[in-house]
Amino acid sequence: MENITKTTKNDTRQKILRAAAQIINTKGVLALTLEAVAKEAKISKGGLFYHFATKDDLMKGMNDFIMHNFFDDLERITKDDPRHNGKWTRAYTNLTFNLLDSEFEMNLAFLSAIATSPDLVKSMARDLKVLQNHIENDQINPIVSTVIRLAVDGMYFNQLYGLNLSEDVRDQVLNYLLSLSEEEE
């Protein structure tokens, strides 16, 4: 019974977070209110308050959802990589390129909303410093791995801003970056 309750609770949290993302993406961050999220998620305000008591809690929940899933996926991918050198850099590159096609709405909404909360910027920066540490100590030249990360970040933001490259060019960039990640230190 506990697993069913936990799954239902997580499903409801995700439903709320996706509703918040939908509001931000369609109406803008200023339209994000707890009442609007409850309505969009088709749950009662009490149900929303059970998961997120304040708008700040909701924004922190979006950050936690995005970062937790991202780091879980990164760790899974690094464990599956048979090559030790450059595995964090490759994992970050592959995962971020894959995210260009999925979870786009949640990421776009969060990045729009994060501008209103300096604490969330600091929280995300702490998480990304952990990633940068892995990348700098990835058994390849740390400058090369950092340049790869910065290029991947650029692709990600390009997509968020609607400056999409053709699929062919995007694939070529991905393959080139991955080839760089196989360089020995």
N, C-alpha and C. Protein backbone atom coordinates (compact mmCIF):
# COMPACT_ATOMS: atom_id res chain seq x y z
N MET A 1 0.82 -1.20 0.00
CA MET A 1 0.00 0.00 0.00
C MET A 1 0.86 1.26 0.00
N GLU A 2 2.00 1.20 0.70
CA GLU A 2 2.85 2.38 0.79
C GLU A 2 3.38 2.79 -0.59
N ASN A 3 3.76 1.80 -1.44
CA ASN A 3 4.25 2.12 -2.78
C ASN A 3 3.17 2.78 -3.63
N ILE A 4 1.93 2.31 -3.51
CA ILE A 4 0.83 2.90 -4.26
C ILE A 4 0.62 4.34 -3.82
N THR A 5 0.63 4.58 -2.51
CA THR A 5 0.46 5.94 -1.98
C THR A 5 1.60 6.84 -2.44
N LYS A 6 2.83 6.34 -2.39
CA LYS A 6 3.99 7.13 -2.80
C LYS A 6 3.91 7.44 -4.29
N THR A 7 3.52 6.46 -5.11
CA THR A 7 3.40 6.66 -6.55
C THR A 7 2.32 7.69 -6.84
N THR A 8 1.18 7.60 -6.18
CA THR A 8 0.10 8.55 -6.39
C THR A 8 0.54 9.96 -5.99
N LYS A 9 1.25 10.06 -4.87
CA LYS A 9 1.75 11.35 -4.40
C LYS A 9 2.72 11.95 -5.43
N ASN A 10 3.64 11.12 -5.94
CA ASN A 10 4.59 11.60 -6.95
C ASN A 10 3.88 11.98 -8.25
N ASP A 11 2.88 11.19 -8.64
CA ASP A 11 2.10 11.52 -9.85
C ASP A 11 1.41 12.87 -9.69
N THR A 12 0.84 13.11 -8.52
CA THR A 12 0.15 14.37 -8.26
C THR A 12 1.14 15.53 -8.28
N ARG A 13 2.30 15.34 -7.66
CA ARG A 13 3.33 16.39 -7.68
C ARG A 13 3.74 16.72 -9.12
N GLN A 14 3.97 15.69 -9.93
CA GLN A 14 4.35 15.92 -11.32
C GLN A 14 3.22 16.62 -12.09
N LYS A 15 2.00 16.24 -11.82
CA LYS A 15 0.85 16.89 -12.46
C LYS A 15 0.82 18.38 -12.11
N ILE A 16 1.09 18.70 -10.87
CA ILE A 16 1.13 20.09 -10.42
C ILE A 16 2.28 20.85 -11.09
N LEU A 17 3.45 20.23 -11.11
CA LEU A 17 4.61 20.88 -11.73
C LEU A 17 4.40 21.11 -13.22
N ARG A 18 3.80 20.16 -13.88
CA ARG A 18 3.53 20.31 -15.32
C ARG A 18 2.46 21.39 -15.55
N ALA A 19 1.51 21.48 -14.65
CA ALA A 19 0.50 22.54 -14.76
C ALA A 19 1.15 23.91 -14.59
N ALA A 20 2.07 24.02 -13.64
CA ALA A 20 2.78 25.28 -13.45
C ALA A 20 3.59 25.63 -14.69
N ALA A 21 4.25 24.64 -15.26
CA ALA A 21 5.03 24.87 -16.48
C ALA A 21 4.13 25.33 -17.62
N GLN A 22 2.96 24.72 -17.74
CA GLN A 22 2.01 25.09 -18.79
C GLN A 22 1.58 26.55 -18.64
N ILE A 23 1.31 26.96 -17.43
CA ILE A 23 0.90 28.36 -17.18
C ILE A 23 2.02 29.32 -17.55
N ILE A 24 3.23 29.02 -17.10
CA ILE A 24 4.35 29.90 -17.40
C ILE A 24 4.58 29.99 -18.90
N ASN A 25 4.53 28.86 -19.58
CA ASN A 25 4.81 28.84 -21.02
C ASN A 25 3.72 29.48 -21.86
N THR A 26 2.48 29.44 -21.40
CA THR A 26 1.40 30.01 -22.22
C THR A 26 1.00 31.41 -21.80
N LYS A 27 1.13 31.71 -20.50
CA LYS A 27 0.64 33.01 -20.01
C LYS A 27 1.73 33.88 -19.41
N GLY A 28 2.90 33.31 -19.19
CA GLY A 28 4.00 34.07 -18.59
C GLY A 28 4.12 33.82 -17.11
N VAL A 29 5.30 34.10 -16.58
CA VAL A 29 5.62 33.82 -15.19
C VAL A 29 4.75 34.64 -14.24
N LEU A 30 4.33 35.83 -14.65
CA LEU A 30 3.50 36.66 -13.77
C LEU A 30 2.11 36.07 -13.55
N ALA A 31 1.68 35.20 -14.44
CA ALA A 31 0.37 34.55 -14.30
C ALA A 31 0.42 33.35 -13.36
N LEU A 32 1.60 32.99 -12.92
CA LEU A 32 1.74 31.82 -12.05
C LEU A 32 1.28 32.16 -10.64
N THR A 33 0.14 31.64 -10.28
CA THR A 33 -0.38 31.74 -8.92
C THR A 33 -0.76 30.33 -8.49
N LEU A 34 -0.85 30.12 -7.19
CA LEU A 34 -1.24 28.79 -6.71
C LEU A 34 -2.66 28.46 -7.15
N GLU A 35 -3.52 29.45 -7.14
CA GLU A 35 -4.90 29.23 -7.59
C GLU A 35 -4.94 28.81 -9.06
N ALA A 36 -4.15 29.48 -9.90
CA ALA A 36 -4.11 29.14 -11.33
C ALA A 36 -3.54 27.73 -11.53
N VAL A 37 -2.55 27.36 -10.75
CA VAL A 37 -1.95 26.03 -10.86
C VAL A 37 -2.96 24.96 -10.45
N ALA A 38 -3.66 25.19 -9.34
CA ALA A 38 -4.68 24.23 -8.90
C ALA A 38 -5.74 24.04 -9.98
N LYS A 39 -6.17 25.12 -10.57
CA LYS A 39 -7.18 25.05 -11.63
C LYS A 39 -6.64 24.29 -12.84
N GLU A 40 -5.42 24.62 -13.27
CA GLU A 40 -4.81 23.96 -14.43
C GLU A 40 -4.60 22.47 -14.18
N ALA A 41 -4.19 22.12 -12.95
CA ALA A 41 -3.94 20.73 -12.59
C ALA A 41 -5.23 19.97 -12.28
N LYS A 42 -6.33 20.71 -12.19
CA LYS A 42 -7.65 20.13 -11.88
C LYS A 42 -7.63 19.41 -10.52
N ILE A 43 -7.06 20.13 -9.55
CA ILE A 43 -7.09 19.64 -8.17
C ILE A 43 -7.55 20.79 -7.28
N SER A 44 -7.92 20.45 -6.08
CA SER A 44 -8.35 21.50 -5.14
C SER A 44 -7.14 22.29 -4.66
N LYS A 45 -7.41 23.51 -4.18
CA LYS A 45 -6.32 24.30 -3.61
C LYS A 45 -5.72 23.58 -2.40
N GLY A 46 -6.56 22.90 -1.64
CA GLY A 46 -6.06 22.13 -0.50
C GLY A 46 -5.12 21.02 -0.95
N GLY A 47 -5.47 20.38 -2.06
CA GLY A 47 -4.59 19.34 -2.61
C GLY A 47 -3.26 19.91 -3.05
N LEU A 48 -3.31 21.10 -3.63
CA LEU A 48 -2.08 21.77 -4.04
C LEU A 48 -1.25 22.14 -2.82
N PHE A 49 -1.92 22.71 -1.79
CA PHE A 49 -1.21 23.13 -0.58
C PHE A 49 -0.58 21.95 0.16
N TYR A 50 -1.16 20.77 0.00
CA TYR A 50 -0.57 19.56 0.60
C TYR A 50 0.84 19.33 0.05
N HIS A 51 1.03 19.61 -1.23
CA HIS A 51 2.32 19.39 -1.89
C HIS A 51 3.22 20.63 -1.87
N PHE A 52 2.60 21.80 -2.05
CA PHE A 52 3.36 23.05 -2.15
C PHE A 52 2.59 24.14 -1.41
N ALA A 53 3.08 24.53 -0.24
CA ALA A 53 2.37 25.50 0.59
C ALA A 53 2.47 26.92 0.05
N THR A 54 3.53 27.20 -0.69
CA THR A 54 3.72 28.56 -1.21
C THR A 54 4.21 28.48 -2.66
N LYS A 55 4.17 29.63 -3.32
CA LYS A 55 4.68 29.71 -4.68
C LYS A 55 6.19 29.42 -4.69
N ASP A 56 6.91 29.88 -3.67
CA ASP A 56 8.34 29.57 -3.57
C ASP A 56 8.57 28.07 -3.44
N ASP A 57 7.73 27.39 -2.67
CA ASP A 57 7.84 25.93 -2.55
C ASP A 57 7.61 25.27 -3.91
N LEU A 58 6.67 25.80 -4.67
CA LEU A 58 6.38 25.27 -6.00
C LEU A 58 7.60 25.44 -6.91
N MET A 59 8.20 26.63 -6.88
CA MET A 59 9.38 26.88 -7.71
C MET A 59 10.54 26.00 -7.29
N LYS A 60 10.72 25.82 -5.98
CA LYS A 60 11.76 24.92 -5.50
C LYS A 60 11.46 23.49 -5.95
N GLY A 61 10.19 23.13 -5.95
CA GLY A 61 9.79 21.80 -6.43
C GLY A 61 10.14 21.59 -7.90
N MET A 62 9.94 22.64 -8.71
CA MET A 62 10.32 22.54 -10.12
C MET A 62 11.83 22.33 -10.25
N ASN A 63 12.60 23.09 -9.49
CA ASN A 63 14.06 22.94 -9.51
C ASN A 63 14.46 21.54 -9.08
N ASP A 64 13.90 21.09 -7.98
CA ASP A 64 14.25 19.76 -7.47
C ASP A 64 13.88 18.67 -8.48
N PHE A 65 12.72 18.79 -9.09
CA PHE A 65 12.26 17.81 -10.09
C PHE A 65 13.23 17.75 -11.26
N ILE A 66 13.55 18.92 -11.80
CA ILE A 66 14.44 18.97 -12.96
C ILE A 66 15.83 18.45 -12.61
N MET A 67 16.40 18.96 -11.54
CA MET A 67 17.77 18.61 -11.20
C MET A 67 17.89 17.16 -10.72
N HIS A 68 16.92 16.70 -9.93
CA HIS A 68 16.97 15.32 -9.44
C HIS A 68 16.91 14.35 -10.62
N ASN A 69 15.96 14.56 -11.52
CA ASN A 69 15.84 13.67 -12.68
C ASN A 69 17.09 13.74 -13.55
N PHE A 70 17.61 14.95 -13.74
CA PHE A 70 18.78 15.13 -14.57
C PHE A 70 19.98 14.39 -13.98
N PHE A 71 20.24 14.56 -12.68
CA PHE A 71 21.39 13.92 -12.07
C PHE A 71 21.21 12.40 -11.95
N ASP A 72 19.99 11.94 -11.73
CA ASP A 72 19.74 10.49 -11.74
C ASP A 72 20.09 9.90 -13.10
N ASP A 73 19.64 10.58 -14.16
CA ASP A 73 19.93 10.12 -15.51
C ASP A 73 21.43 10.17 -15.81
N LEU A 74 22.10 11.26 -15.37
CA LEU A 74 23.55 11.36 -15.58
C LEU A 74 24.29 10.20 -14.93
N GLU A 75 23.94 9.92 -13.69
CA GLU A 75 24.61 8.83 -12.97
C GLU A 75 24.36 7.48 -13.64
N ARG A 76 23.14 7.26 -14.09
CA ARG A 76 22.81 6.00 -14.78
C ARG A 76 23.64 5.88 -16.06
N ILE A 77 23.72 6.95 -16.83
CA ILE A 77 24.46 6.93 -18.10
C ILE A 77 25.95 6.71 -17.85
N THR A 78 26.51 7.37 -16.82
CA THR A 78 27.95 7.19 -16.56
C THR A 78 28.25 5.76 -16.13
N LYS A 79 27.35 5.15 -15.39
CA LYS A 79 27.56 3.76 -14.96
C LYS A 79 27.51 2.81 -16.15
N ASP A 80 26.72 3.14 -17.16
CA ASP A 80 26.58 2.29 -18.33
C ASP A 80 27.69 2.50 -19.37
N ASP A 81 28.49 3.53 -19.21
CA ASP A 81 29.55 3.84 -20.18
C ASP A 81 30.76 2.95 -19.88
N PRO A 82 31.13 2.07 -20.80
CA PRO A 82 32.27 1.17 -20.54
C PRO A 82 33.62 1.89 -20.56
N ARG A 83 33.67 3.08 -21.15
CA ARG A 83 34.92 3.84 -21.21
C ARG A 83 34.96 4.79 -20.03
N HIS A 84 36.03 4.75 -19.28
CA HIS A 84 36.13 5.58 -18.07
C HIS A 84 36.43 7.04 -18.42
N ASN A 85 37.39 7.26 -19.30
CA ASN A 85 37.80 8.63 -19.64
C ASN A 85 36.68 9.36 -20.38
N GLY A 86 36.28 10.49 -19.84
CA GLY A 86 35.30 11.34 -20.49
C GLY A 86 33.85 10.93 -20.30
N LYS A 87 33.58 9.99 -19.40
CA LYS A 87 32.21 9.48 -19.29
C LYS A 87 31.22 10.54 -18.79
N TRP A 88 31.63 11.42 -17.87
CA TRP A 88 30.71 12.47 -17.40
C TRP A 88 30.44 13.48 -18.52
N THR A 89 31.47 13.79 -19.26
CA THR A 89 31.32 14.75 -20.36
C THR A 89 30.40 14.16 -21.43
N ARG A 90 30.59 12.90 -21.78
CA ARG A 90 29.71 12.25 -22.77
C ARG A 90 28.29 12.15 -22.25
N ALA A 91 28.15 11.78 -20.98
CA ALA A 91 26.80 11.65 -20.40
C ALA A 91 26.07 12.99 -20.44
N TYR A 92 26.77 14.06 -20.05
CA TYR A 92 26.15 15.39 -20.06
C TYR A 92 25.79 15.79 -21.49
N THR A 93 26.67 15.52 -22.42
CA THR A 93 26.43 15.87 -23.82
C THR A 93 25.22 15.12 -24.35
N ASN A 94 25.22 13.80 -24.22
CA ASN A 94 24.11 12.99 -24.74
C ASN A 94 22.79 13.35 -24.06
N LEU A 95 22.81 13.46 -22.75
CA LEU A 95 21.57 13.73 -22.01
C LEU A 95 21.01 15.10 -22.38
N THR A 96 21.85 16.10 -22.45
CA THR A 96 21.36 17.44 -22.77
C THR A 96 20.82 17.49 -24.19
N PHE A 97 21.50 16.86 -25.14
CA PHE A 97 20.98 16.83 -26.51
C PHE A 97 19.64 16.09 -26.55
N ASN A 98 19.49 15.04 -25.76
CA ASN A 98 18.20 14.33 -25.70
C ASN A 98 17.11 15.19 -25.08
N LEU A 99 17.49 16.02 -24.11
CA LEU A 99 16.52 16.90 -23.46
C LEU A 99 16.01 17.99 -24.40
N LEU A 100 16.74 18.24 -25.47
CA LEU A 100 16.27 19.23 -26.44
C LEU A 100 14.93 18.79 -27.02
N ASP A 101 14.66 17.49 -26.99
CA ASP A 101 13.44 16.95 -27.57
C ASP A 101 12.42 16.49 -26.52
N SER A 102 12.80 16.49 -25.25
CA SER A 102 11.88 16.06 -24.20
C SER A 102 12.05 16.96 -22.99
N GLU A 103 11.05 17.03 -22.16
CA GLU A 103 11.06 17.88 -20.96
C GLU A 103 11.34 19.34 -21.31
N PHE A 104 11.18 19.70 -22.57
CA PHE A 104 11.47 21.05 -23.03
C PHE A 104 10.59 22.07 -22.30
N GLU A 105 9.30 21.78 -22.19
CA GLU A 105 8.37 22.73 -21.58
C GLU A 105 8.70 22.99 -20.12
N MET A 106 9.05 21.95 -19.39
CA MET A 106 9.38 22.12 -17.97
C MET A 106 10.65 22.96 -17.82
N ASN A 107 11.64 22.68 -18.62
CA ASN A 107 12.89 23.44 -18.55
C ASN A 107 12.69 24.89 -18.94
N LEU A 108 11.93 25.12 -19.99
CA LEU A 108 11.67 26.48 -20.44
C LEU A 108 10.93 27.26 -19.36
N ALA A 109 9.92 26.64 -18.78
CA ALA A 109 9.15 27.31 -17.73
C ALA A 109 10.03 27.62 -16.53
N PHE A 110 10.83 26.66 -16.12
CA PHE A 110 11.67 26.88 -14.95
C PHE A 110 12.67 28.00 -15.20
N LEU A 111 13.28 28.00 -16.36
CA LEU A 111 14.25 29.05 -16.64
C LEU A 111 13.59 30.42 -16.72
N SER A 112 12.35 30.47 -17.18
CA SER A 112 11.62 31.73 -17.18
C SER A 112 11.34 32.18 -15.75
N ALA A 113 10.94 31.25 -14.92
CA ALA A 113 10.54 31.58 -13.56
C ALA A 113 11.73 31.83 -12.63
N ILE A 114 12.85 31.20 -12.91
CA ILE A 114 13.99 31.30 -12.01
C ILE A 114 14.48 32.74 -11.89
N ALA A 115 14.23 33.53 -12.92
CA ALA A 115 14.67 34.92 -12.90
C ALA A 115 14.02 35.71 -11.76
N THR A 116 12.92 35.21 -11.24
CA THR A 116 12.22 35.90 -10.17
C THR A 116 12.69 35.47 -8.78
N SER A 117 13.62 34.51 -8.74
CA SER A 117 14.02 33.98 -7.44
C SER A 117 15.54 33.78 -7.36
N PRO A 118 16.24 34.72 -6.75
CA PRO A 118 17.70 34.58 -6.60
C PRO A 118 18.10 33.31 -5.84
N ASP A 119 17.28 32.86 -4.90
CA ASP A 119 17.62 31.65 -4.15
C ASP A 119 17.64 30.43 -5.06
N LEU A 120 16.73 30.37 -6.03
CA LEU A 120 16.72 29.25 -6.96
C LEU A 120 17.94 29.29 -7.87
N VAL A 121 18.37 30.47 -8.25
CA VAL A 121 19.58 30.59 -9.06
C VAL A 121 20.76 30.03 -8.28
N LYS A 122 20.85 30.38 -7.00
CA LYS A 122 21.95 29.89 -6.17
C LYS A 122 21.88 28.37 -6.01
N SER A 123 20.69 27.84 -5.83
CA SER A 123 20.51 26.40 -5.69
C SER A 123 20.93 25.67 -6.95
N MET A 124 20.50 26.18 -8.09
CA MET A 124 20.87 25.55 -9.35
C MET A 124 22.38 25.66 -9.58
N ALA A 125 22.96 26.79 -9.23
CA ALA A 125 24.41 26.98 -9.39
C ALA A 125 25.18 25.96 -8.56
N ARG A 126 24.71 25.69 -7.34
CA ARG A 126 25.37 24.68 -6.50
C ARG A 126 25.33 23.32 -7.18
N ASP A 127 24.17 22.96 -7.73
CA ASP A 127 24.04 21.67 -8.41
C ASP A 127 24.96 21.60 -9.63
N LEU A 128 25.03 22.67 -10.38
CA LEU A 128 25.84 22.67 -11.59
C LEU A 128 27.33 22.71 -11.28
N LYS A 129 27.71 23.23 -10.11
CA LYS A 129 29.13 23.18 -9.70
C LYS A 129 29.56 21.74 -9.46
N VAL A 130 28.66 20.94 -8.93
CA VAL A 130 28.95 19.51 -8.74
C VAL A 130 29.21 18.87 -10.10
N LEU A 131 28.36 19.18 -11.07
CA LEU A 131 28.54 18.65 -12.42
C LEU A 131 29.87 19.12 -13.01
N GLN A 132 30.17 20.41 -12.87
CA GLN A 132 31.42 20.94 -13.42
C GLN A 132 32.63 20.24 -12.79
N ASN A 133 32.54 19.94 -11.51
CA ASN A 133 33.64 19.22 -10.85
C ASN A 133 33.85 17.85 -11.48
N HIS A 134 32.74 17.14 -11.76
CA HIS A 134 32.85 15.84 -12.43
C HIS A 134 33.49 16.00 -13.81
N ILE A 135 33.06 17.02 -14.53
CA ILE A 135 33.56 17.23 -15.89
C ILE A 135 35.04 17.61 -15.87
N GLU A 136 35.46 18.43 -14.94
CA GLU A 136 36.87 18.82 -14.86
C GLU A 136 37.77 17.66 -14.43
N ASN A 137 37.21 16.68 -13.78
CA ASN A 137 37.98 15.52 -13.30
C ASN A 137 37.57 14.25 -14.03
N ASP A 138 37.34 14.39 -15.33
CA ASP A 138 36.78 13.31 -16.15
C ASP A 138 37.83 12.51 -16.90
N GLN A 139 39.09 12.63 -16.49
CA GLN A 139 40.20 11.89 -17.10
C GLN A 139 40.45 12.27 -18.55
N ILE A 140 39.97 13.46 -18.95
CA ILE A 140 40.36 14.06 -20.22
C ILE A 140 40.81 15.47 -19.90
N ASN A 141 41.38 16.14 -20.87
CA ASN A 141 41.84 17.51 -20.64
C ASN A 141 40.69 18.34 -20.08
N PRO A 142 40.85 18.93 -18.88
CA PRO A 142 39.74 19.66 -18.26
C PRO A 142 39.29 20.89 -19.07
N ILE A 143 40.18 21.46 -19.85
CA ILE A 143 39.77 22.59 -20.70
C ILE A 143 38.89 22.08 -21.83
N VAL A 144 39.26 20.95 -22.42
CA VAL A 144 38.45 20.36 -23.49
C VAL A 144 37.08 19.97 -22.95
N SER A 145 37.03 19.33 -21.79
CA SER A 145 35.74 18.92 -21.23
C SER A 145 34.87 20.13 -20.89
N THR A 146 35.49 21.20 -20.41
CA THR A 146 34.73 22.42 -20.10
C THR A 146 34.23 23.09 -21.37
N VAL A 147 35.05 23.13 -22.41
CA VAL A 147 34.60 23.70 -23.69
C VAL A 147 33.43 22.89 -24.24
N ILE A 148 33.49 21.58 -24.11
CA ILE A 148 32.37 20.73 -24.55
C ILE A 148 31.12 21.09 -23.77
N ARG A 149 31.25 21.20 -22.44
CA ARG A 149 30.08 21.55 -21.62
C ARG A 149 29.50 22.89 -22.04
N LEU A 150 30.37 23.86 -22.26
CA LEU A 150 29.88 25.18 -22.66
C LEU A 150 29.20 25.14 -24.03
N ALA A 151 29.72 24.35 -24.95
CA ALA A 151 29.09 24.19 -26.27
C ALA A 151 27.72 23.53 -26.12
N VAL A 152 27.64 22.52 -25.27
CA VAL A 152 26.36 21.84 -25.04
C VAL A 152 25.36 22.81 -24.41
N ASP A 153 25.83 23.60 -23.44
CA ASP A 153 24.95 24.60 -22.84
C ASP A 153 24.44 25.57 -23.92
N GLY A 154 25.32 25.95 -24.83
CA GLY A 154 24.92 26.84 -25.92
C GLY A 154 23.85 26.22 -26.80
N MET A 155 23.99 24.94 -27.11
CA MET A 155 22.96 24.24 -27.90
C MET A 155 21.62 24.26 -27.15
N TYR A 156 21.69 23.99 -25.86
CA TYR A 156 20.49 23.96 -25.02
C TYR A 156 19.78 25.31 -25.04
N PHE A 157 20.54 26.38 -24.81
CA PHE A 157 19.92 27.71 -24.79
C PHE A 157 19.47 28.14 -26.18
N ASN A 158 20.20 27.74 -27.20
CA ASN A 158 19.76 28.00 -28.57
C ASN A 158 18.35 27.46 -28.78
N GLN A 159 18.15 26.23 -28.35
CA GLN A 159 16.84 25.57 -28.49
C GLN A 159 15.77 26.33 -27.69
N LEU A 160 16.10 26.71 -26.46
CA LEU A 160 15.13 27.43 -25.63
C LEU A 160 14.72 28.75 -26.27
N TYR A 161 15.65 29.38 -26.96
CA TYR A 161 15.37 30.66 -27.61
C TYR A 161 14.75 30.49 -28.99
N GLY A 162 14.52 29.23 -29.39
CA GLY A 162 13.89 28.98 -30.68
C GLY A 162 14.84 29.08 -31.86
N LEU A 163 16.14 29.06 -31.61
CA LEU A 163 17.13 29.13 -32.68
C LEU A 163 17.61 27.72 -33.02
N ASN A 164 16.72 26.93 -33.54
CA ASN A 164 16.99 25.52 -33.78
C ASN A 164 17.87 25.31 -35.00
N LEU A 165 18.84 24.45 -34.85
CA LEU A 165 19.66 24.03 -35.97
C LEU A 165 18.94 22.89 -36.69
N SER A 166 19.31 22.67 -37.94
CA SER A 166 18.73 21.54 -38.65
C SER A 166 19.16 20.26 -37.94
N GLU A 167 18.39 19.21 -38.09
CA GLU A 167 18.71 17.95 -37.43
C GLU A 167 20.08 17.43 -37.87
N ASP A 168 20.40 17.62 -39.15
CA ASP A 168 21.69 17.18 -39.67
C ASP A 168 22.85 17.92 -39.00
N VAL A 169 22.75 19.23 -38.90
CA VAL A 169 23.81 20.01 -38.27
C VAL A 169 23.90 19.66 -36.79
N ARG A 170 22.76 19.55 -36.14
CA ARG A 170 22.75 19.19 -34.72
C ARG A 170 23.44 17.84 -34.49
N ASP A 171 23.14 16.85 -35.34
CA ASP A 171 23.78 15.54 -35.21
C ASP A 171 25.28 15.63 -35.43
N GLN A 172 25.70 16.44 -36.38
CA GLN A 172 27.14 16.60 -36.63
C GLN A 172 27.83 17.26 -35.44
N VAL A 173 27.18 18.26 -34.86
CA VAL A 173 27.75 18.92 -33.67
C VAL A 173 27.85 17.92 -32.53
N LEU A 174 26.80 17.15 -32.31
CA LEU A 174 26.81 16.14 -31.25
C LEU A 174 27.96 15.16 -31.46
N ASN A 175 28.08 14.63 -32.65
CA ASN A 175 29.14 13.65 -32.92
C ASN A 175 30.53 14.25 -32.75
N TYR A 176 30.69 15.50 -33.16
CA TYR A 176 31.98 16.16 -32.99
C TYR A 176 32.32 16.33 -31.51
N LEU A 177 31.35 16.79 -30.74
CA LEU A 177 31.59 16.98 -29.30
C LEU A 177 31.90 15.65 -28.63
N LEU A 178 31.17 14.60 -29.00
CA LEU A 178 31.44 13.28 -28.42
C LEU A 178 32.84 12.79 -28.78
N SER A 179 33.27 13.05 -30.01
CA SER A 179 34.63 12.64 -30.40
C SER A 179 35.67 13.37 -29.57
N LEU A 180 35.43 14.63 -29.25
CA LEU A 180 36.36 15.37 -28.41
C LEU A 180 36.43 14.78 -26.99
N SER A 181 35.32 14.21 -26.53
CA SER A 181 35.28 13.67 -25.16
C SER A 181 36.06 12.38 -25.03
N GLU A 182 36.53 11.83 -26.14
CA GLU A 182 37.28 10.59 -26.09
C GLU A 182 38.79 10.82 -26.05
N GLU A 183 39.18 12.10 -26.01
CA GLU A 183 40.59 12.47 -25.93
C GLU A 183 41.14 12.08 -24.56
N GLU A 184 42.34 11.58 -24.55
CA GLU A 184 43.00 11.24 -23.28
C GLU A 184 43.56 12.50 -22.63
N GLU A 185 43.67 12.47 -21.31
CA GLU A 185 44.23 13.62 -20.59
C GLU A 185 45.72 13.73 -20.84
